[in-house]
C-alpha atoms as a PDB file:
ATOM      1  CA  MET A   1     100.885  59.442 138.941  1.00  0.00           C
ATOM      2  CA  THR A   2     103.091  61.067 136.238  1.00  0.00           C
ATOM      3  CA  ASP A   3     105.276  59.913 133.573  1.00  0.00           C
ATOM      4  CA  ASP A   4     108.373  61.067 135.739  1.00  0.00           C
ATOM      5  CA  GLN A   5     107.111  59.755 138.615  1.00  0.00           C
ATOM      6  CA  ALA A   6     106.811  56.352 136.815  1.00  0.00           C
ATOM      7  CA  THR A   7     109.840  56.260 135.681  1.00  0.00           C
ATOM      8  CA  ALA A   8     111.820  57.411 138.838  1.00  0.00           C
ATOM      9  CA  LEU A   9     109.617  54.189 140.590  1.00  0.00           C
ATOM     10  CA  ARG A  10     110.784  51.933 137.922  1.00  0.00           C
ATOM     11  CA  ASP A  11     114.223  52.493 138.223  1.00  0.00           C
ATOM     12  CA  VAL A  12     114.556  52.767 142.100  1.00  0.00           C
ATOM     13  CA  LEU A  13     112.465  49.488 142.396  1.00  0.00           C
ATOM     14  CA  THR A  14     114.422  47.538 139.519  1.00  0.00           C
ATOM     15  CA  GLY A  15     117.705  48.571 141.229  1.00  0.00           C
ATOM     16  CA  VAL A  16     116.039  47.326 145.105  1.00  0.00           C
ATOM     17  CA  ILE A  17     114.630  44.311 143.160  1.00  0.00           C
ATOM     18  CA  GLU A  18     118.240  43.927 141.500  1.00  0.00           C
ATOM     19  CA  ASN A  19     120.308  43.983 144.975  1.00  0.00           C
ATOM     20  CA  GLU A  20     118.040  42.194 146.728  1.00  0.00           C
ATOM     21  CA  ALA A  21     118.559  38.933 144.065  1.00  0.00           C
ATOM     22  CA  ALA A  22     122.023  38.675 144.558  1.00  0.00           C
ATOM     23  CA  GLY A  23     121.279  37.647 148.511  1.00  0.00           C
ATOM     24  CA  THR A  24     118.530  35.179 147.277  1.00  0.00           C
ATOM     25  CA  ARG A  25     121.109  33.376 145.061  1.00  0.00           C
ATOM     26  CA  LYS A  26     123.286  33.521 147.753  1.00  0.00           C
ATOM     27  CA  VAL A  27     120.835  31.748 149.818  1.00  0.00           C
ATOM     28  CA  ILE A  28     119.894  29.140 147.011  1.00  0.00           C
ATOM     29  CA  ALA A  29     123.226  28.550 146.527  1.00  0.00           C
ATOM     30  CA  ASN A  30     123.793  27.153 150.391  1.00  0.00           C
ATOM     31  CA  ILE A  31     121.171  24.798 149.842  1.00  0.00           C
ATOM     32  CA  THR A  32     122.606  21.177 150.685  1.00  0.00           C
ATOM     33  CA  LYS A  33     119.788  19.472 151.587  1.00  0.00           C
ATOM     34  CA  ARG A  34     117.296  19.809 148.721  1.00  0.00           C
ATOM     35  CA  ASP A  35     114.306  17.598 150.651  1.00  0.00           C
ATOM     36  CA  TYR A  36     114.794  19.809 153.577  1.00  0.00           C
ATOM     37  CA  LYS A  37     111.490  20.993 155.128  1.00  0.00           C
ATOM     38  CA  PRO A  38     111.207  21.963 158.717  1.00  0.00           C
ATOM     39  CA  ASP A  39     107.283  21.049 158.771  1.00  0.00           C
ATOM     40  CA  PRO A  40     105.424  18.342 156.829  1.00  0.00           C
ATOM     41  CA  LYS A  41     102.856  21.151 155.577  1.00  0.00           C
ATOM     42  CA  SER A  42     106.503  23.240 154.270  1.00  0.00           C
ATOM     43  CA  ARG A  43     107.587  23.138 151.147  1.00  0.00           C
ATOM     44  CA  SER A  44     110.870  21.743 150.745  1.00  0.00           C
ATOM     45  CA  ALA A  45     114.300  23.918 150.158  1.00  0.00           C
ATOM     46  CA  TRP A  46     114.346  22.685 146.278  1.00  0.00           C
ATOM     47  CA  GLU A  47     110.732  23.398 145.824  1.00  0.00           C
ATOM     48  CA  LEU A  48     111.155  27.042 147.673  1.00  0.00           C
ATOM     49  CA  ALA A  49     114.622  27.528 145.733  1.00  0.00           C
ATOM     50  CA  THR A  50     113.192  26.681 142.410  1.00  0.00           C
ATOM     51  CA  HIS A  51     109.148  28.851 142.915  1.00  0.00           C
ATOM     52  CA  LEU A  52     111.583  31.521 143.464  1.00  0.00           C
ATOM     53  CA  ALA A  53     113.615  32.034 140.828  1.00  0.00           C
ATOM     54  CA  MET A  54     111.345  31.336 138.396  1.00  0.00           C
ATOM     55  CA  SER A  55     108.442  33.770 140.591  1.00  0.00           C
ATOM     56  CA  ASP A  56     110.998  36.439 139.719  1.00  0.00           C
ATOM     57  CA  VAL A  57     111.207  35.928 136.168  1.00  0.00           C
ATOM     58  CA  TRP A  58     107.625  35.402 136.473  1.00  0.00           C
ATOM     59  CA  PHE A  59     106.597  38.835 137.598  1.00  0.00           C
ATOM     60  CA  ALA A  60     108.856  40.625 135.830  1.00  0.00           C
ATOM     61  CA  GLN A  61     107.427  39.169 132.496  1.00  0.00           C
ATOM     62  CA  SER A  62     104.269  39.785 133.691  1.00  0.00           C
ATOM     63  CA  ILE A  63     104.577  43.571 134.381  1.00  0.00           C
ATOM     64  CA  VAL A  64     106.364  44.012 130.941  1.00  0.00           C
ATOM     65  CA  ASN A  65     103.378  42.144 128.810  1.00  0.00           C
ATOM     66  CA  GLY A  66     100.833  43.964 131.147  1.00  0.00           C
ATOM     67  CA  GLU A  67      99.036  40.797 132.451  1.00  0.00           C
ATOM     68  CA  PHE A  68      99.356  38.524 135.475  1.00  0.00           C
ATOM     69  CA  VAL A  69      98.181  34.940 133.794  1.00  0.00           C
ATOM     70  CA  TRP A  70      99.266  32.038 136.389  1.00  0.00           C
ATOM     71  CA  SER A  71      98.025  28.664 135.589  1.00  0.00           C
ATOM     72  CA  GLY A  72     100.296  26.628 138.329  1.00  0.00           C
ATOM     73  CA  GLU A  73     103.713  26.064 139.194  1.00  0.00           C
ATOM     74  CA  PRO A  74     105.304  25.440 135.486  1.00  0.00           C
ATOM     75  CA  PRO A  75     107.917  22.971 134.770  1.00  0.00           C
ATOM     76  CA  ILE A  76     111.165  23.177 136.537  1.00  0.00           C
ATOM     77  CA  PRO A  77     113.429  23.889 133.339  1.00  0.00           C
ATOM     78  CA  SER A  78     115.787  21.239 132.206  1.00  0.00           C
ATOM     79  CA  GLU A  79     119.176  23.669 133.613  1.00  0.00           C
ATOM     80  CA  MET A  80     118.137  24.234 136.873  1.00  0.00           C
ATOM     81  CA  THR A  81     119.640  20.267 138.480  1.00  0.00           C
ATOM     82  CA  ASP A  82     121.172  21.553 141.683  1.00  0.00           C
ATOM     83  CA  PRO A  83     121.146  24.900 143.959  1.00  0.00           C
ATOM     84  CA  VAL A  84     123.621  26.667 141.868  1.00  0.00           C
ATOM     85  CA  SER A  85     122.499  25.827 138.761  1.00  0.00           C
ATOM     86  CA  VAL A  86     118.863  27.182 140.258  1.00  0.00           C
ATOM     87  CA  ALA A  87     121.004  30.724 140.698  1.00  0.00           C
ATOM     88  CA  GLN A  88     122.551  30.927 137.733  1.00  0.00           C
ATOM     89  CA  TRP A  89     119.522  30.503 135.479  1.00  0.00           C
ATOM     90  CA  HIS A  90     118.023  32.964 138.360  1.00  0.00           C
ATOM     91  CA  GLU A  91     120.973  35.489 137.220  1.00  0.00           C
ATOM     92  CA  LYS A  92     120.317  35.023 133.599  1.00  0.00           C
ATOM     93  CA  HIS A  93     116.485  35.162 133.097  1.00  0.00           C
ATOM     94  CA  LEU A  94     116.194  37.652 135.597  1.00  0.00           C
ATOM     95  CA  GLY A  95     118.929  40.239 134.383  1.00  0.00           C
ATOM     96  CA  ASP A  96     116.929  40.222 130.865  1.00  0.00           C
ATOM     97  CA  GLY A  97     113.862  40.650 132.582  1.00  0.00           C
ATOM     98  CA  LEU A  98     115.177  43.656 134.586  1.00  0.00           C
ATOM     99  CA  LYS A  99     116.484  44.987 130.952  1.00  0.00           C
ATOM    100  CA  GLN A 100     112.766  44.603 129.613  1.00  0.00           C
ATOM    101  CA  LEU A 101     111.744  46.627 132.799  1.00  0.00           C
ATOM    102  CA  ARG A 102     113.961  49.453 132.376  1.00  0.00           C
ATOM    103  CA  ALA A 103     113.272  49.761 129.066  1.00  0.00           C
ATOM    104  CA  MET A 104     109.346  50.258 129.509  1.00  0.00           C
ATOM    105  CA  SER A 105     108.191  53.282 128.208  1.00  0.00           C
ATOM    106  CA  PRO A 106     106.115  55.841 130.869  1.00  0.00           C
ATOM    107  CA  SER A 107     102.900  55.324 128.930  1.00  0.00           C
ATOM    108  CA  GLN A 108     104.131  50.919 129.542  1.00  0.00           C
ATOM    109  CA  LEU A 109     104.419  51.568 133.154  1.00  0.00           C
ATOM    110  CA  LEU A 110     101.347  53.693 133.755  1.00  0.00           C
ATOM    111  CA  ARG A 111      99.107  51.377 131.936  1.00  0.00           C
ATOM    112  CA  PRO A 112      96.270  49.569 134.333  1.00  0.00           C
ATOM    113  CA  VAL A 113      97.332  46.121 135.208  1.00  0.00           C
ATOM    114  CA  GLU A 114      95.116  43.624 137.343  1.00  0.00           C
ATOM    115  CA  PHE A 115      96.670  41.376 139.898  1.00  0.00           C
ATOM    116  CA  PHE A 116      94.726  38.726 140.796  1.00  0.00           C
ATOM    117  CA  GLY A 117      91.395  40.933 141.679  1.00  0.00           C
ATOM    118  CA  MET A 118      93.649  44.241 142.054  1.00  0.00           C
ATOM    119  CA  LYS A 119      94.549  46.753 139.737  1.00  0.00           C
ATOM    120  CA  GLY A 120      96.996  49.282 139.460  1.00  0.00           C
ATOM    121  CA  PRO A 121      99.409  51.125 137.129  1.00  0.00           C
ATOM    122  CA  ALA A 122     102.319  48.316 135.718  1.00  0.00           C
ATOM    123  CA  VAL A 123     104.632  49.976 137.435  1.00  0.00           C
ATOM    124  CA  THR A 124     103.359  49.711 141.317  1.00  0.00           C
ATOM    125  CA  TRP A 125     103.920  45.748 140.723  1.00  0.00           C
ATOM    126  CA  LEU A 126     107.464  46.044 141.380  1.00  0.00           C
ATOM    127  CA  THR A 127     106.717  46.028 144.964  1.00  0.00           C
ATOM    128  CA  MET A 128     104.962  43.028 144.738  1.00  0.00           C
ATOM    129  CA  MET A 129     107.658  41.460 143.334  1.00  0.00           C
ATOM    130  CA  ASN A 130     110.033  42.348 145.523  1.00  0.00           C
ATOM    131  CA  ASN A 131     107.914  41.210 148.746  1.00  0.00           C
ATOM    132  CA  HIS A 132     107.202  38.066 147.127  1.00  0.00           C
ATOM    133  CA  GLY A 133     111.004  37.147 146.702  1.00  0.00           C
ATOM    134  CA  VAL A 134     111.995  38.852 149.874  1.00  0.00           C
ATOM    135  CA  HIS A 135     109.278  36.667 151.672  1.00  0.00           C
ATOM    136  CA  HIS A 136     110.276  33.226 150.035  1.00  0.00           C
ATOM    137  CA  ARG A 137     113.762  34.143 150.620  1.00  0.00           C
ATOM    138  CA  GLY A 138     113.517  34.482 154.424  1.00  0.00           C
ATOM    139  CA  GLN A 139     111.834  31.196 154.323  1.00  0.00           C
ATOM    140  CA  LEU A 140     114.471  29.151 152.553  1.00  0.00           C
ATOM    141  CA  ALA A 141     117.239  31.113 154.678  1.00  0.00           C
ATOM    142  CA  ALA A 142     115.560  29.907 158.102  1.00  0.00           C
ATOM    143  CA  TYR A 143     116.428  26.314 156.339  1.00  0.00           C
ATOM    144  CA  LEU A 144     119.313  26.810 155.997  1.00  0.00           C
ATOM    145  CA  ARG A 145     121.258  26.176 159.200  1.00  0.00           C
ATOM    146  CA  PRO A 146     118.380  23.685 160.506  1.00  0.00           C
ATOM    147  CA  MET A 147     119.696  21.530 157.175  1.00  0.00           C
ATOM    148  CA  GLY A 148     123.479  21.812 158.301  1.00  0.00           C
ATOM    149  CA  SER A 149     124.102  24.738 155.941  1.00  0.00           C
ATOM    150  CA  LYS A 150     125.798  27.731 155.834  1.00  0.00           C
ATOM    151  CA  VAL A 151     123.833  31.149 156.022  1.00  0.00           C
ATOM    152  CA  PRO A 152     125.049  34.332 153.979  1.00  0.00           C
ATOM    153  CA  ALA A 153     125.235  37.247 154.782  1.00  0.00           C
ATOM    154  CA  ILE A 154     121.744  39.083 152.979  1.00  0.00           C
ATOM    155  CA  TYR A 155     121.414  42.351 154.983  1.00  0.00           C
ATOM    156  CA  GLY A 156     125.110  42.177 156.860  1.00  0.00           C
ATOM    157  CA  ALA A 157     127.158  39.838 158.256  1.00  0.00           C
ATOM    158  CA  SER A 158     126.019  36.285 159.276  1.00  0.00           C
ATOM    159  CA  ALA A 159     127.837  33.880 161.909  1.00  0.00           C
ATOM    160  CA  ASP A 160     128.788  32.128 158.554  1.00  0.00           C
ATOM    161  CA  GLU A 161     129.772  35.239 156.562  1.00  0.00           C
ATOM    162  CA  PRO A 162     130.895  37.826 159.014  1.00  0.00           C
ATOM    163  CA  PHE A 163     131.591  41.498 157.925  1.00  0.00           C
ATOM    164  CA  GLN A 164     135.007  41.644 156.370  1.00  0.00           C
ATOM    165  CA  GLY A 165     136.074  45.424 156.679  1.00  0.00           C
ATOM    166  CA  ALA A 166     138.455  47.312 154.251  1.00  0.00           C
END
């Protein structure tokens, strides 16, 4: 991969992540029952929401720092007191992370980084970051209607948030 390719990939993927994050925050903010889980083996809505918000920031920082260090789920930040505050925390901290990612030089983007036994250029882990977030957002979105919440539009209209034409 060339410097220009790494930079282009970074620019495209940080834009995708930024757009996906808006939908993620809508889903998180619509949680009405923190303890809801569809099965005893499932994470609760609260556990998914906080994991999703904090892991997006962890991914961004890990890519910027050039190493993924996982020592288990970190403590939930004190600012996260309800679903809306989780969404607000995510917006602020992911925004900061995206700025740092966008400031990375081509050499930083191309440096080899290991992710749980796999190696690749730092910039390629933006795909894993995006996929991880979309995966958990999908889980959480599937919780909303059964818990009695509204399901927001993510990629288009939903039954609760119909398309608003011009």
